[in-house]
Amino acid sequence: MTLVNDTGFTTDTRPINPLISGDKVDGTAVYNGAGERLGDVHDVMIDKVSGRVVYAIMSFGGFLGIGEKYHPLPWNALKYDVELGGYVVNLTREQLEGGPVYDELDEPLWGDRDYEKRVHDYYGLPPYWMV
């Protein structure tokens, strides 16, 4: 028997509802493996054909939303941590800062396989269209 505690999670550390709407992912904290907050999920990118979430667009940097940079992270690089109430990536701040980045004026052309392959290669993960 699984019991629900006062935080809304089951006692076996799984959320009661394993699904989340896209608007609730926006703003969710992203931490590194040491529990340090790196930034927040700004958006998610969904493959139109398969319906799979393929990227979390993480934002960090800037001040009051000015000068923020956006980092596309392959969705499978994130793991949800119930206790933190956010996503964990096995990256340091320096690794993230050195990764693919854009700002609101130069959003990448999604679907450009060369660009997307560079994103996946940087994080050492196979491209989503190959798994």
C-alpha atoms as a PDB file:
ATOM      1  CA  MET A   1       0.000   0.000   0.000  1.00  0.00           C
ATOM      2  CA  THR A   2       1.300   3.432  -0.935  1.00  0.00           C
ATOM      3  CA  LEU A   3       0.499   6.255   1.433  1.00  0.00           C
ATOM      4  CA  VAL A   4       0.262   9.927   0.526  1.00  0.00           C
ATOM      5  CA  ASN A   5       2.055  12.307   2.864  1.00  0.00           C
ATOM      6  CA  ASP A   6       1.266  15.969   3.553  1.00  0.00           C
ATOM      7  CA  THR A   7       3.565  17.172   0.721  1.00  0.00           C
ATOM      8  CA  GLY A   8       1.353  15.569  -1.911  1.00  0.00           C
ATOM      9  CA  PHE A   9       3.834  12.817  -2.726  1.00  0.00           C
ATOM     10  CA  THR A  10       3.619   9.129  -2.098  1.00  0.00           C
ATOM     11  CA  THR A  11       5.829   7.679   0.608  1.00  0.00           C
ATOM     12  CA  ASP A  12       7.848   5.837  -2.043  1.00  0.00           C
ATOM     13  CA  THR A  13       9.038   9.254  -3.366  1.00  0.00           C
ATOM     14  CA  ARG A  14       7.025   9.236  -6.558  1.00  0.00           C
ATOM     15  CA  PRO A  15       4.654  12.110  -7.315  1.00  0.00           C
ATOM     16  CA  ILE A  16       0.986  11.151  -7.057  1.00  0.00           C
ATOM     17  CA  ASN A  17       0.517  12.201 -10.665  1.00  0.00           C
ATOM     18  CA  PRO A  18       3.560  11.419 -12.838  1.00  0.00           C
ATOM     19  CA  LEU A  19       2.349  13.775 -15.614  1.00  0.00           C
ATOM     20  CA  ILE A  20       2.805  17.539 -15.706  1.00  0.00           C
ATOM     21  CA  SER A  21       1.487  20.186 -18.071  1.00  0.00           C
ATOM     22  CA  GLY A  22       3.965  22.244 -20.044  1.00  0.00           C
ATOM     23  CA  ASP A  23       3.012  25.481 -18.316  1.00  0.00           C
ATOM     24  CA  LYS A  24       3.876  23.932 -14.952  1.00  0.00           C
ATOM     25  CA  VAL A  25       7.316  22.830 -16.174  1.00  0.00           C
ATOM     26  CA  ASP A  26       8.072  26.485 -16.975  1.00  0.00           C
ATOM     27  CA  GLY A  27       9.860  27.946 -13.975  1.00  0.00           C
ATOM     28  CA  THR A  28      10.790  24.614 -12.398  1.00  0.00           C
ATOM     29  CA  ALA A  29      14.227  24.765 -10.801  1.00  0.00           C
ATOM     30  CA  VAL A  30      17.200  22.896 -12.267  1.00  0.00           C
ATOM     31  CA  TYR A  31      19.940  21.695  -9.911  1.00  0.00           C
ATOM     32  CA  ASN A  32      23.300  20.026 -10.362  1.00  0.00           C
ATOM     33  CA  GLY A  33      24.187  16.748  -8.670  1.00  0.00           C
ATOM     34  CA  ALA A  34      25.425  18.625  -5.580  1.00  0.00           C
ATOM     35  CA  GLY A  35      21.997  20.191  -5.093  1.00  0.00           C
ATOM     36  CA  GLU A  36      23.088  23.665  -6.225  1.00  0.00           C
ATOM     37  CA  ARG A  37      20.464  25.555  -8.191  1.00  0.00           C
ATOM     38  CA  LEU A  38      21.690  26.276 -11.717  1.00  0.00           C
ATOM     39  CA  GLY A  39      18.631  27.976 -13.168  1.00  0.00           C
ATOM     40  CA  ASP A  40      15.076  27.305 -14.248  1.00  0.00           C
ATOM     41  CA  VAL A  41      13.251  25.611 -17.083  1.00  0.00           C
ATOM     42  CA  HIS A  42      12.177  28.404 -19.412  1.00  0.00           C
ATOM     43  CA  ASP A  43      10.348  26.263 -21.957  1.00  0.00           C
ATOM     44  CA  VAL A  44      10.165  22.808 -23.468  1.00  0.00           C
ATOM     45  CA  MET A  45      10.501  21.804 -27.099  1.00  0.00           C
ATOM     46  CA  ILE A  46       8.209  19.057 -28.361  1.00  0.00           C
ATOM     47  CA  ASP A  47       8.673  16.991 -31.517  1.00  0.00           C
ATOM     48  CA  LYS A  48       5.522  17.670 -33.562  1.00  0.00           C
ATOM     49  CA  VAL A  49       5.361  14.216 -35.107  1.00  0.00           C
ATOM     50  CA  SER A  50       6.104  11.951 -32.145  1.00  0.00           C
ATOM     51  CA  GLY A  51       4.746  14.229 -29.427  1.00  0.00           C
ATOM     52  CA  ARG A  52       7.870  13.612 -27.317  1.00  0.00           C
ATOM     53  CA  VAL A  53       9.448  16.355 -25.241  1.00  0.00           C
ATOM     54  CA  VAL A  54      12.968  16.548 -26.626  1.00  0.00           C
ATOM     55  CA  TYR A  55      14.525  19.636 -24.998  1.00  0.00           C
ATOM     56  CA  ALA A  56      14.197  21.598 -21.817  1.00  0.00           C
ATOM     57  CA  ILE A  57      15.242  25.168 -22.472  1.00  0.00           C
ATOM     58  CA  MET A  58      17.006  26.255 -19.326  1.00  0.00           C
ATOM     59  CA  SER A  59      17.482  29.896 -18.469  1.00  0.00           C
ATOM     60  CA  PHE A  60      20.040  31.420 -16.210  1.00  0.00           C
ATOM     61  CA  GLY A  61      22.121  34.527 -15.990  1.00  0.00           C
ATOM     62  CA  GLY A  62      20.944  38.030 -16.514  1.00  0.00           C
ATOM     63  CA  PHE A  63      19.148  40.204 -14.003  1.00  0.00           C
ATOM     64  CA  LEU A  64      15.364  40.513 -13.726  1.00  0.00           C
ATOM     65  CA  GLY A  65      14.999  38.745 -17.055  1.00  0.00           C
ATOM     66  CA  ILE A  66      17.388  41.095 -18.871  1.00  0.00           C
ATOM     67  CA  GLY A  67      20.371  39.433 -20.510  1.00  0.00           C
ATOM     68  CA  GLU A  68      19.188  35.899 -19.810  1.00  0.00           C
ATOM     69  CA  LYS A  69      20.752  33.141 -21.829  1.00  0.00           C
ATOM     70  CA  TYR A  70      18.915  30.010 -22.899  1.00  0.00           C
ATOM     71  CA  HIS A  71      20.524  26.588 -22.887  1.00  0.00           C
ATOM     72  CA  PRO A  72      18.837  23.721 -24.750  1.00  0.00           C
ATOM     73  CA  LEU A  73      19.287  20.548 -22.711  1.00  0.00           C
ATOM     74  CA  PRO A  74      18.268  17.183 -24.123  1.00  0.00           C
ATOM     75  CA  TRP A  75      15.227  16.164 -22.092  1.00  0.00           C
ATOM     76  CA  ASN A  76      16.795  12.829 -21.179  1.00  0.00           C
ATOM     77  CA  ALA A  77      19.632  14.714 -19.420  1.00  0.00           C
ATOM     78  CA  LEU A  78      17.171  15.803 -16.713  1.00  0.00           C
ATOM     79  CA  LYS A  79      15.893  13.633 -13.893  1.00  0.00           C
ATOM     80  CA  TYR A  80      13.104  14.817 -11.623  1.00  0.00           C
ATOM     81  CA  ASP A  81      13.965  14.838  -7.921  1.00  0.00           C
ATOM     82  CA  VAL A  82      10.890  14.732  -5.718  1.00  0.00           C
ATOM     83  CA  GLU A  83      12.725  15.948  -2.626  1.00  0.00           C
ATOM     84  CA  LEU A  84      14.164  18.993  -4.412  1.00  0.00           C
ATOM     85  CA  GLY A  85      10.953  19.627  -6.319  1.00  0.00           C
ATOM     86  CA  GLY A  86      12.999  20.205  -9.458  1.00  0.00           C
ATOM     87  CA  TYR A  87      15.135  18.641 -12.133  1.00  0.00           C
ATOM     88  CA  VAL A  88      18.715  17.475 -11.646  1.00  0.00           C
ATOM     89  CA  VAL A  89      21.397  17.434 -14.333  1.00  0.00           C
ATOM     90  CA  ASN A  90      24.838  15.948 -13.909  1.00  0.00           C
ATOM     91  CA  LEU A  91      26.593  19.130 -15.007  1.00  0.00           C
ATOM     92  CA  THR A  92      28.609  21.804 -13.317  1.00  0.00           C
ATOM     93  CA  ARG A  93      27.780  25.458 -13.819  1.00  0.00           C
ATOM     94  CA  GLU A  94      30.950  25.740 -15.917  1.00  0.00           C
ATOM     95  CA  GLN A  95      29.913  22.856 -18.180  1.00  0.00           C
ATOM     96  CA  LEU A  96      26.500  24.428 -18.669  1.00  0.00           C
ATOM     97  CA  GLU A  97      27.984  27.851 -19.394  1.00  0.00           C
ATOM     98  CA  GLY A  98      30.284  26.260 -22.003  1.00  0.00           C
ATOM     99  CA  GLY A  99      27.418  24.489 -23.752  1.00  0.00           C
ATOM    100  CA  PRO A 100      25.168  25.554 -26.600  1.00  0.00           C
ATOM    101  CA  VAL A 101      23.459  28.837 -25.785  1.00  0.00           C
ATOM    102  CA  TYR A 102      21.284  31.489 -27.394  1.00  0.00           C
ATOM    103  CA  ASP A 103      19.414  34.617 -26.380  1.00  0.00           C
ATOM    104  CA  GLU A 104      15.974  35.817 -27.370  1.00  0.00           C
ATOM    105  CA  LEU A 105      17.346  37.553 -30.471  1.00  0.00           C
ATOM    106  CA  ASP A 106      19.105  34.523 -31.968  1.00  0.00           C
ATOM    107  CA  GLU A 107      16.929  31.481 -31.307  1.00  0.00           C
ATOM    108  CA  PRO A 108      18.255  28.488 -33.237  1.00  0.00           C
ATOM    109  CA  LEU A 109      16.475  27.047 -36.218  1.00  0.00           C
ATOM    110  CA  TRP A 110      14.894  24.014 -34.604  1.00  0.00           C
ATOM    111  CA  GLY A 111      14.980  21.060 -36.922  1.00  0.00           C
ATOM    112  CA  ASP A 112      18.486  21.919 -38.160  1.00  0.00           C
ATOM    113  CA  ARG A 113      19.957  18.455 -37.533  1.00  0.00           C
ATOM    114  CA  ASP A 114      23.543  19.763 -37.547  1.00  0.00           C
ATOM    115  CA  TYR A 115      22.765  22.207 -34.729  1.00  0.00           C
ATOM    116  CA  GLU A 116      20.769  19.655 -32.754  1.00  0.00           C
ATOM    117  CA  LYS A 117      23.508  17.042 -33.167  1.00  0.00           C
ATOM    118  CA  ARG A 118      26.040  19.521 -31.738  1.00  0.00           C
ATOM    119  CA  VAL A 119      23.750  20.014 -28.726  1.00  0.00           C
ATOM    120  CA  HIS A 120      23.491  16.267 -28.116  1.00  0.00           C
ATOM    121  CA  ASP A 121      27.200  15.695 -28.761  1.00  0.00           C
ATOM    122  CA  TYR A 122      28.124  18.373 -26.221  1.00  0.00           C
ATOM    123  CA  TYR A 123      26.115  16.590 -23.522  1.00  0.00           C
ATOM    124  CA  GLY A 124      27.266  13.142 -24.653  1.00  0.00           C
ATOM    125  CA  LEU A 125      23.760  11.886 -25.428  1.00  0.00           C
ATOM    126  CA  PRO A 126      22.417  10.295 -28.589  1.00  0.00           C
ATOM    127  CA  PRO A 127      20.144  12.531 -30.669  1.00  0.00           C
ATOM    128  CA  TYR A 128      16.476  12.035 -29.842  1.00  0.00           C
ATOM    129  CA  TRP A 129      15.634  11.064 -33.414  1.00  0.00           C
ATOM    130  CA  MET A 130      18.020   8.104 -33.179  1.00  0.00           C
ATOM    131  CA  VAL A 131      16.663   6.505 -29.991  1.00  0.00           C
END
